[in-house]
All heavy atoms as atom14 arrays in JSON, in Angstrom:
{
  "sequence": "VLKTFDRHAASKLEFPAGELSKSFEACEAIFDALAEMGASR",
  "atom14_mask": [
    [1, 1, 1, 1, 1, 1, 1, 0, 0, 0, 0, 0, 0, 0],
    [1, 1, 1, 1, 1, 1, 1, 1, 0, 0, 0, 0, 0, 0],
    [1, 1, 1, 1, 1, 1, 1, 1, 1, 0, 0, 0, 0, 0],
    [1, 1, 1, 1, 1, 1, 1, 0, 0, 0, 0, 0, 0, 0],
    [1, 1, 1, 1, 1, 1, 1, 1, 1, 1, 1, 0, 0, 0],
    [1, 1, 1, 1, 1, 1, 1, 1, 0, 0, 0, 0, 0, 0],
    [1, 1, 1, 1, 1, 1, 1, 1, 1, 1, 1, 0, 0, 0],
    [1, 1, 1, 1, 1, 1, 1, 1, 1, 1, 0, 0, 0, 0],
    [1, 1, 1, 1, 1, 0, 0, 0, 0, 0, 0, 0, 0, 0],
    [1, 1, 1, 1, 1, 0, 0, 0, 0, 0, 0, 0, 0, 0],
    [1, 1, 1, 1, 1, 1, 0, 0, 0, 0, 0, 0, 0, 0],
    [1, 1, 1, 1, 1, 1, 1, 1, 1, 0, 0, 0, 0, 0],
    [1, 1, 1, 1, 1, 1, 1, 1, 0, 0, 0, 0, 0, 0],
    [1, 1, 1, 1, 1, 1, 1, 1, 1, 0, 0, 0, 0, 0],
    [1, 1, 1, 1, 1, 1, 1, 1, 1, 1, 1, 0, 0, 0],
    [1, 1, 1, 1, 1, 1, 1, 0, 0, 0, 0, 0, 0, 0],
    [1, 1, 1, 1, 1, 0, 0, 0, 0, 0, 0, 0, 0, 0],
    [1, 1, 1, 1, 0, 0, 0, 0, 0, 0, 0, 0, 0, 0],
    [1, 1, 1, 1, 1, 1, 1, 1, 1, 0, 0, 0, 0, 0],
    [1, 1, 1, 1, 1, 1, 1, 1, 0, 0, 0, 0, 0, 0],
    [1, 1, 1, 1, 1, 1, 0, 0, 0, 0, 0, 0, 0, 0],
    [1, 1, 1, 1, 1, 1, 1, 1, 1, 0, 0, 0, 0, 0],
    [1, 1, 1, 1, 1, 1, 0, 0, 0, 0, 0, 0, 0, 0],
    [1, 1, 1, 1, 1, 1, 1, 1, 1, 1, 1, 0, 0, 0],
    [1, 1, 1, 1, 1, 1, 1, 1, 1, 0, 0, 0, 0, 0],
    [1, 1, 1, 1, 1, 0, 0, 0, 0, 0, 0, 0, 0, 0],
    [1, 1, 1, 1, 1, 1, 0, 0, 0, 0, 0, 0, 0, 0],
    [1, 1, 1, 1, 1, 1, 1, 1, 1, 0, 0, 0, 0, 0],
    [1, 1, 1, 1, 1, 0, 0, 0, 0, 0, 0, 0, 0, 0],
    [1, 1, 1, 1, 1, 1, 1, 1, 0, 0, 0, 0, 0, 0],
    [1, 1, 1, 1, 1, 1, 1, 1, 1, 1, 1, 0, 0, 0],
    [1, 1, 1, 1, 1, 1, 1, 1, 0, 0, 0, 0, 0, 0],
    [1, 1, 1, 1, 1, 0, 0, 0, 0, 0, 0, 0, 0, 0],
    [1, 1, 1, 1, 1, 1, 1, 1, 0, 0, 0, 0, 0, 0],
    [1, 1, 1, 1, 1, 0, 0, 0, 0, 0, 0, 0, 0, 0],
    [1, 1, 1, 1, 1, 1, 1, 1, 1, 0, 0, 0, 0, 0],
    [1, 1, 1, 1, 1, 1, 1, 1, 0, 0, 0, 0, 0, 0],
    [1, 1, 1, 1, 0, 0, 0, 0, 0, 0, 0, 0, 0, 0],
    [1, 1, 1, 1, 1, 0, 0, 0, 0, 0, 0, 0, 0, 0],
    [1, 1, 1, 1, 1, 1, 0, 0, 0, 0, 0, 0, 0, 0],
    [1, 1, 1, 1, 1, 1, 1, 1, 1, 1, 1, 0, 0, 0]
  ],
  "atom14_positions": [
    [[116.42, 116.0, 84.81], [117.28, 115.16, 85.65], [117.69, 113.9, 84.89], [118.85, 113.49, 84.92], [116.57, 114.79, 86.96], [117.38, 113.78, 87.76], [116.33, 116.04, 87.81], [0.0, 0.0, 0.0], [0.0, 0.0, 0.0], [0.0, 0.0, 0.0], [0.0, 0.0, 0.0], [0.0, 0.0, 0.0], [0.0, 0.0, 0.0], [0.0, 0.0, 0.0]],
    [[116.74, 113.3, 84.2], [117.04, 112.04, 83.49], [118.06, 112.22, 82.37], [118.75, 111.27, 82.0], [115.75, 111.45, 82.93], [114.82, 110.79, 83.97], [113.47, 110.46, 83.36], [115.46, 109.54, 84.56], [0.0, 0.0, 0.0], [0.0, 0.0, 0.0], [0.0, 0.0, 0.0], [0.0, 0.0, 0.0], [0.0, 0.0, 0.0], [0.0, 0.0, 0.0]],
    [[118.2, 113.44, 81.84], [119.22, 113.69, 80.82], [120.61, 113.37, 81.34], [121.51, 113.02, 80.57], [119.19, 115.16, 80.38], [118.02, 115.55, 79.51], [118.13, 117.03, 79.15], [116.93, 117.51, 78.37], [117.03, 118.97, 78.08], [0.0, 0.0, 0.0], [0.0, 0.0, 0.0], [0.0, 0.0, 0.0], [0.0, 0.0, 0.0], [0.0, 0.0, 0.0]],
    [[120.8, 113.52, 82.65], [122.1, 113.29, 83.26], [122.49, 111.82, 83.19], [123.67, 111.49, 83.26], [122.06, 113.75, 84.73], [121.65, 115.11, 84.78], [123.42, 113.61, 85.41], [0.0, 0.0, 0.0], [0.0, 0.0, 0.0], [0.0, 0.0, 0.0], [0.0, 0.0, 0.0], [0.0, 0.0, 0.0], [0.0, 0.0, 0.0], [0.0, 0.0, 0.0]],
    [[121.52, 110.92, 83.07], [121.78, 109.49, 83.23], [121.8, 108.75, 81.9], [121.47, 107.57, 81.83], [120.73, 108.87, 84.15], [120.53, 109.62, 85.44], [119.27, 109.87, 85.92], [121.63, 110.08, 86.16], [119.08, 110.57, 87.11], [121.46, 110.79, 87.34], [120.19, 111.03, 87.81], [0.0, 0.0, 0.0], [0.0, 0.0, 0.0], [0.0, 0.0, 0.0]],
    [[122.22, 109.45, 80.82], [122.23, 108.8, 79.52], [123.24, 107.65, 79.45], [123.13, 106.77, 78.59], [122.5, 109.81, 78.4], [123.76, 110.63, 78.63], [124.48, 110.38, 79.63], [124.04, 111.52, 77.81], [0.0, 0.0, 0.0], [0.0, 0.0, 0.0], [0.0, 0.0, 0.0], [0.0, 0.0, 0.0], [0.0, 0.0, 0.0], [0.0, 0.0, 0.0]],
    [[124.21, 107.64, 80.37], [125.18, 106.54, 80.38], [124.76, 105.43, 81.36], [125.51, 104.49, 81.59], [126.57, 107.06, 80.75], [126.65, 107.75, 82.1], [127.99, 108.47, 82.28], [128.03, 109.27, 83.49], [128.55, 108.87, 84.63], [129.04, 107.64, 84.73], [128.57, 109.67, 85.68], [0.0, 0.0, 0.0], [0.0, 0.0, 0.0], [0.0, 0.0, 0.0]],
    [[123.57, 105.56, 81.94], [123.06, 104.57, 82.9], [121.82, 103.89, 82.34], [121.19, 104.37, 81.4], [122.68, 105.25, 84.22], [123.8, 105.95, 84.91], [124.63, 105.34, 85.81], [124.23, 107.23, 84.82], [125.52, 106.21, 86.26], [125.29, 107.37, 85.67], [0.0, 0.0, 0.0], [0.0, 0.0, 0.0], [0.0, 0.0, 0.0], [0.0, 0.0, 0.0]],
    [[121.46, 102.78, 82.95], [120.16, 102.18, 82.74], [119.21, 102.81, 83.75], [119.2, 102.45, 84.93], [120.23, 100.66, 82.94], [0.0, 0.0, 0.0], [0.0, 0.0, 0.0], [0.0, 0.0, 0.0], [0.0, 0.0, 0.0], [0.0, 0.0, 0.0], [0.0, 0.0, 0.0], [0.0, 0.0, 0.0], [0.0, 0.0, 0.0], [0.0, 0.0, 0.0]],
    [[118.46, 103.81, 83.3], [117.68, 104.63, 84.23], [116.19, 104.39, 84.05], [115.69, 104.2, 82.93], [117.98, 106.1, 84.02], [0.0, 0.0, 0.0], [0.0, 0.0, 0.0], [0.0, 0.0, 0.0], [0.0, 0.0, 0.0], [0.0, 0.0, 0.0], [0.0, 0.0, 0.0], [0.0, 0.0, 0.0], [0.0, 0.0, 0.0], [0.0, 0.0, 0.0]],
    [[115.47, 104.41, 85.17], [114.02, 104.31, 85.18], [113.46, 105.37, 86.12], [114.17, 105.93, 86.96], [113.55, 102.93, 85.65], [113.93, 101.93, 84.72], [0.0, 0.0, 0.0], [0.0, 0.0, 0.0], [0.0, 0.0, 0.0], [0.0, 0.0, 0.0], [0.0, 0.0, 0.0], [0.0, 0.0, 0.0], [0.0, 0.0, 0.0], [0.0, 0.0, 0.0]],
    [[112.16, 105.63, 85.97], [111.48, 106.63, 86.79], [110.25, 106.01, 87.42], [109.55, 105.21, 86.8], [111.08, 107.83, 85.92], [110.33, 108.92, 86.67], [109.88, 110.03, 85.72], [108.79, 109.56, 84.79], [108.18, 110.65, 84.01], [0.0, 0.0, 0.0], [0.0, 0.0, 0.0], [0.0, 0.0, 0.0], [0.0, 0.0, 0.0], [0.0, 0.0, 0.0]],
    [[110.0, 106.4, 88.68], [108.82, 105.92, 89.4], [108.17, 107.13, 90.06], [108.83, 107.87, 90.79], [109.22, 104.87, 90.44], [108.12, 104.04, 91.08], [107.34, 103.26, 90.04], [108.72, 103.08, 92.12], [0.0, 0.0, 0.0], [0.0, 0.0, 0.0], [0.0, 0.0, 0.0], [0.0, 0.0, 0.0], [0.0, 0.0, 0.0], [0.0, 0.0, 0.0]],
    [[106.88, 107.33, 89.81], [106.14, 108.45, 90.38], [105.11, 107.96, 91.39], [104.51, 106.9, 91.2], [105.4, 109.24, 89.29], [106.29, 109.99, 88.34], [105.46, 110.76, 87.31], [104.31, 111.15, 87.62], [105.96, 110.96, 86.18], [0.0, 0.0, 0.0], [0.0, 0.0, 0.0], [0.0, 0.0, 0.0], [0.0, 0.0, 0.0], [0.0, 0.0, 0.0]],
    [[104.9, 108.77, 92.43], [103.89, 108.47, 93.45], [102.93, 109.64, 93.58], [103.27, 110.78, 93.21], [104.56, 108.2, 94.8], [105.35, 106.92, 94.84], [106.73, 106.93, 94.63], [104.72, 105.71, 95.04], [107.45, 105.76, 94.65], [105.44, 104.53, 95.05], [106.81, 104.56, 94.86], [0.0, 0.0, 0.0], [0.0, 0.0, 0.0], [0.0, 0.0, 0.0]],
    [[101.75, 109.41, 94.11], [100.86, 110.53, 94.4], [101.53, 111.49, 95.38], [102.28, 111.06, 96.28], [99.63, 109.86, 95.04], [99.67, 108.45, 94.54], [101.12, 108.1, 94.41], [0.0, 0.0, 0.0], [0.0, 0.0, 0.0], [0.0, 0.0, 0.0], [0.0, 0.0, 0.0], [0.0, 0.0, 0.0], [0.0, 0.0, 0.0], [0.0, 0.0, 0.0]],
    [[101.3, 112.76, 95.21], [101.88, 113.74, 96.12], [101.21, 113.65, 97.49], [100.02, 113.36, 97.59], [101.71, 115.15, 95.55], [0.0, 0.0, 0.0], [0.0, 0.0, 0.0], [0.0, 0.0, 0.0], [0.0, 0.0, 0.0], [0.0, 0.0, 0.0], [0.0, 0.0, 0.0], [0.0, 0.0, 0.0], [0.0, 0.0, 0.0], [0.0, 0.0, 0.0]],
    [[102.01, 113.85, 98.54], [101.43, 113.89, 99.88], [101.94, 112.81, 100.81], [102.56, 111.82, 100.39], [0.0, 0.0, 0.0], [0.0, 0.0, 0.0], [0.0, 0.0, 0.0], [0.0, 0.0, 0.0], [0.0, 0.0, 0.0], [0.0, 0.0, 0.0], [0.0, 0.0, 0.0], [0.0, 0.0, 0.0], [0.0, 0.0, 0.0], [0.0, 0.0, 0.0]],
    [[101.67, 113.0, 102.08], [102.2, 112.17, 103.15], [101.76, 110.72, 103.07], [102.45, 109.82, 103.55], [101.76, 112.76, 104.5], [102.56, 112.31, 105.7], [103.94, 112.93, 105.78], [104.11, 114.08, 105.34], [104.86, 112.26, 106.3], [0.0, 0.0, 0.0], [0.0, 0.0, 0.0], [0.0, 0.0, 0.0], [0.0, 0.0, 0.0], [0.0, 0.0, 0.0]],
    [[100.61, 110.45, 102.44], [100.13, 109.07, 102.37], [101.03, 108.17, 101.53], [100.96, 106.94, 101.64], [98.69, 109.05, 101.81], [97.62, 109.66, 102.72], [96.26, 109.65, 102.03], [97.54, 108.93, 104.05], [0.0, 0.0, 0.0], [0.0, 0.0, 0.0], [0.0, 0.0, 0.0], [0.0, 0.0, 0.0], [0.0, 0.0, 0.0], [0.0, 0.0, 0.0]],
    [[101.88, 108.77, 100.7], [102.81, 107.95, 99.9], [104.02, 107.49, 100.7], [104.81, 106.69, 100.19], [103.27, 108.75, 98.68], [102.23, 108.88, 97.74], [0.0, 0.0, 0.0], [0.0, 0.0, 0.0], [0.0, 0.0, 0.0], [0.0, 0.0, 0.0], [0.0, 0.0, 0.0], [0.0, 0.0, 0.0], [0.0, 0.0, 0.0], [0.0, 0.0, 0.0]],
    [[104.15, 107.96, 101.91], [105.3, 107.56, 102.73], [104.92, 106.3, 103.51], [104.71, 106.3, 104.71], [105.66, 108.71, 103.68], [107.07, 108.68, 104.22], [107.4, 110.04, 104.8], [108.14, 109.92, 106.1], [108.43, 111.23, 106.71], [0.0, 0.0, 0.0], [0.0, 0.0, 0.0], [0.0, 0.0, 0.0], [0.0, 0.0, 0.0], [0.0, 0.0, 0.0]],
    [[104.86, 105.18, 102.76], [104.26, 103.97, 103.3], [105.04, 102.73, 102.87], [105.86, 102.78, 101.94], [102.82, 103.84, 102.81], [102.8, 103.64, 101.4], [0.0, 0.0, 0.0], [0.0, 0.0, 0.0], [0.0, 0.0, 0.0], [0.0, 0.0, 0.0], [0.0, 0.0, 0.0], [0.0, 0.0, 0.0], [0.0, 0.0, 0.0], [0.0, 0.0, 0.0]],
    [[104.74, 101.6, 103.52], [105.35, 100.34, 103.12], [104.9, 99.93, 101.71], [105.66, 99.31, 100.97], [104.98, 99.23, 104.11], [105.81, 99.24, 105.36], [105.22, 99.47, 106.59], [107.17, 99.02, 105.31], [105.99, 99.48, 107.75], [107.94, 99.02, 106.45], [107.35, 99.25, 107.68], [0.0, 0.0, 0.0], [0.0, 0.0, 0.0], [0.0, 0.0, 0.0]],
    [[103.67, 100.27, 101.35], [103.19, 99.94, 100.01], [104.02, 100.64, 98.94], [104.37, 100.05, 97.91], [101.71, 100.32, 99.88], [100.75, 99.48, 100.69], [100.75, 99.82, 102.18], [101.28, 100.9, 102.56], [100.23, 99.01, 102.97], [0.0, 0.0, 0.0], [0.0, 0.0, 0.0], [0.0, 0.0, 0.0], [0.0, 0.0, 0.0], [0.0, 0.0, 0.0]],
    [[104.35, 101.91, 99.2], [105.19, 102.64, 98.24], [106.59, 102.04, 98.2], [107.2, 101.92, 97.13], [105.25, 104.12, 98.63], [0.0, 0.0, 0.0], [0.0, 0.0, 0.0], [0.0, 0.0, 0.0], [0.0, 0.0, 0.0], [0.0, 0.0, 0.0], [0.0, 0.0, 0.0], [0.0, 0.0, 0.0], [0.0, 0.0, 0.0], [0.0, 0.0, 0.0]],
    [[107.11, 101.65, 99.36], [108.43, 101.0, 99.39], [108.43, 99.72, 98.57], [109.38, 99.44, 97.83], [108.82, 100.67, 100.83], [109.8, 101.95, 101.61], [0.0, 0.0, 0.0], [0.0, 0.0, 0.0], [0.0, 0.0, 0.0], [0.0, 0.0, 0.0], [0.0, 0.0, 0.0], [0.0, 0.0, 0.0], [0.0, 0.0, 0.0], [0.0, 0.0, 0.0]],
    [[107.37, 98.95, 98.69], [107.28, 97.7, 97.94], [107.3, 97.97, 96.44], [107.93, 97.23, 95.67], [106.01, 96.95, 98.32], [105.91, 95.57, 97.68], [104.69, 94.79, 98.16], [103.89, 95.34, 98.95], [104.56, 93.63, 97.75], [0.0, 0.0, 0.0], [0.0, 0.0, 0.0], [0.0, 0.0, 0.0], [0.0, 0.0, 0.0], [0.0, 0.0, 0.0]],
    [[106.65, 99.05, 96.02], [106.67, 99.41, 94.6], [108.08, 99.75, 94.14], [108.49, 99.42, 93.02], [105.72, 100.58, 94.35], [0.0, 0.0, 0.0], [0.0, 0.0, 0.0], [0.0, 0.0, 0.0], [0.0, 0.0, 0.0], [0.0, 0.0, 0.0], [0.0, 0.0, 0.0], [0.0, 0.0, 0.0], [0.0, 0.0, 0.0], [0.0, 0.0, 0.0]],
    [[108.85, 100.42, 95.01], [110.24, 100.75, 94.68], [111.08, 99.48, 94.57], [111.87, 99.3, 93.64], [110.83, 101.71, 95.72], [110.12, 103.07, 95.68], [112.34, 101.9, 95.5], [110.53, 104.03, 96.77], [0.0, 0.0, 0.0], [0.0, 0.0, 0.0], [0.0, 0.0, 0.0], [0.0, 0.0, 0.0], [0.0, 0.0, 0.0], [0.0, 0.0, 0.0]],
    [[110.89, 98.57, 95.52], [111.64, 97.31, 95.48], [111.31, 96.51, 94.21], [112.2, 95.92, 93.59], [111.34, 96.47, 96.72], [111.72, 97.13, 98.01], [111.01, 96.88, 99.18], [112.81, 97.99, 98.08], [111.35, 97.48, 100.37], [113.16, 98.6, 99.29], [112.43, 98.35, 100.42], [0.0, 0.0, 0.0], [0.0, 0.0, 0.0], [0.0, 0.0, 0.0]],
    [[110.04, 96.51, 93.84], [109.64, 95.81, 92.62], [110.32, 96.42, 91.4], [110.8, 95.7, 90.5], [108.12, 95.86, 92.44], [107.38, 94.95, 93.42], [108.02, 94.05, 94.0], [106.16, 95.15, 93.59], [0.0, 0.0, 0.0], [0.0, 0.0, 0.0], [0.0, 0.0, 0.0], [0.0, 0.0, 0.0], [0.0, 0.0, 0.0], [0.0, 0.0, 0.0]],
    [[110.39, 97.76, 91.37], [111.03, 98.44, 90.24], [112.52, 98.13, 90.19], [113.09, 97.9, 89.11], [110.8, 99.95, 90.33], [0.0, 0.0, 0.0], [0.0, 0.0, 0.0], [0.0, 0.0, 0.0], [0.0, 0.0, 0.0], [0.0, 0.0, 0.0], [0.0, 0.0, 0.0], [0.0, 0.0, 0.0], [0.0, 0.0, 0.0], [0.0, 0.0, 0.0]],
    [[113.17, 98.11, 91.36], [114.6, 97.79, 91.41], [114.85, 96.35, 90.95], [115.8, 96.08, 90.22], [115.13, 98.0, 92.83], [115.25, 99.45, 93.29], [115.46, 99.52, 94.8], [116.39, 100.17, 92.57], [0.0, 0.0, 0.0], [0.0, 0.0, 0.0], [0.0, 0.0, 0.0], [0.0, 0.0, 0.0], [0.0, 0.0, 0.0], [0.0, 0.0, 0.0]],
    [[113.98, 95.46, 91.38], [114.14, 94.05, 90.98], [113.95, 93.89, 89.47], [114.69, 93.15, 88.81], [113.14, 93.19, 91.74], [0.0, 0.0, 0.0], [0.0, 0.0, 0.0], [0.0, 0.0, 0.0], [0.0, 0.0, 0.0], [0.0, 0.0, 0.0], [0.0, 0.0, 0.0], [0.0, 0.0, 0.0], [0.0, 0.0, 0.0], [0.0, 0.0, 0.0]],
    [[112.96, 94.59, 88.95], [112.71, 94.5, 87.51], [113.89, 95.04, 86.69], [114.2, 94.54, 85.61], [111.43, 95.27, 87.16], [110.99, 95.11, 85.73], [109.63, 95.73, 85.47], [108.86, 95.89, 86.43], [109.36, 96.05, 84.3], [0.0, 0.0, 0.0], [0.0, 0.0, 0.0], [0.0, 0.0, 0.0], [0.0, 0.0, 0.0], [0.0, 0.0, 0.0]],
    [[114.56, 96.07, 87.25], [115.73, 96.63, 86.58], [116.94, 95.7, 86.68], [117.91, 95.84, 85.94], [116.12, 97.97, 87.21], [115.13, 99.09, 87.03], [115.6, 100.54, 88.03], [117.08, 101.08, 87.18], [0.0, 0.0, 0.0], [0.0, 0.0, 0.0], [0.0, 0.0, 0.0], [0.0, 0.0, 0.0], [0.0, 0.0, 0.0], [0.0, 0.0, 0.0]],
    [[116.9, 94.78, 87.65], [118.09, 93.99, 87.94], [119.13, 94.77, 88.69], [120.35, 94.53, 88.55], [0.0, 0.0, 0.0], [0.0, 0.0, 0.0], [0.0, 0.0, 0.0], [0.0, 0.0, 0.0], [0.0, 0.0, 0.0], [0.0, 0.0, 0.0], [0.0, 0.0, 0.0], [0.0, 0.0, 0.0], [0.0, 0.0, 0.0], [0.0, 0.0, 0.0]],
    [[118.67, 95.73, 89.51], [119.59, 96.62, 90.22], [120.42, 95.86, 91.24], [119.9, 95.1, 92.06], [118.8, 97.72, 90.92], [0.0, 0.0, 0.0], [0.0, 0.0, 0.0], [0.0, 0.0, 0.0], [0.0, 0.0, 0.0], [0.0, 0.0, 0.0], [0.0, 0.0, 0.0], [0.0, 0.0, 0.0], [0.0, 0.0, 0.0], [0.0, 0.0, 0.0]],
    [[121.72, 96.08, 91.21], [122.64, 95.44, 92.14], [123.08, 96.43, 93.21], [122.53, 97.54, 93.32], [123.85, 94.89, 91.38], [124.44, 95.91, 90.6], [0.0, 0.0, 0.0], [0.0, 0.0, 0.0], [0.0, 0.0, 0.0], [0.0, 0.0, 0.0], [0.0, 0.0, 0.0], [0.0, 0.0, 0.0], [0.0, 0.0, 0.0], [0.0, 0.0, 0.0]],
    [[124.07, 96.05, 93.99], [124.45, 96.87, 95.15], [125.14, 98.18, 94.76], [125.32, 99.05, 95.6], [125.36, 96.07, 96.08], [124.65, 94.89, 96.71], [125.46, 94.27, 97.82], [125.49, 95.12, 99.01], [126.09, 94.77, 100.15], [126.72, 93.62, 100.23], [126.07, 95.58, 101.17], [0.0, 0.0, 0.0], [0.0, 0.0, 0.0], [0.0, 0.0, 0.0]]
  ]
}
């Protein structure tokens, strides 16, 4: 999948498999990653 984004500034974030990852803590990790990338709208 990442091969498709060679013209982008791309990053990857992995979570443990399973329902417990569907949480606010996981969301916060995504927001932190987006902020670190400088992701805009």
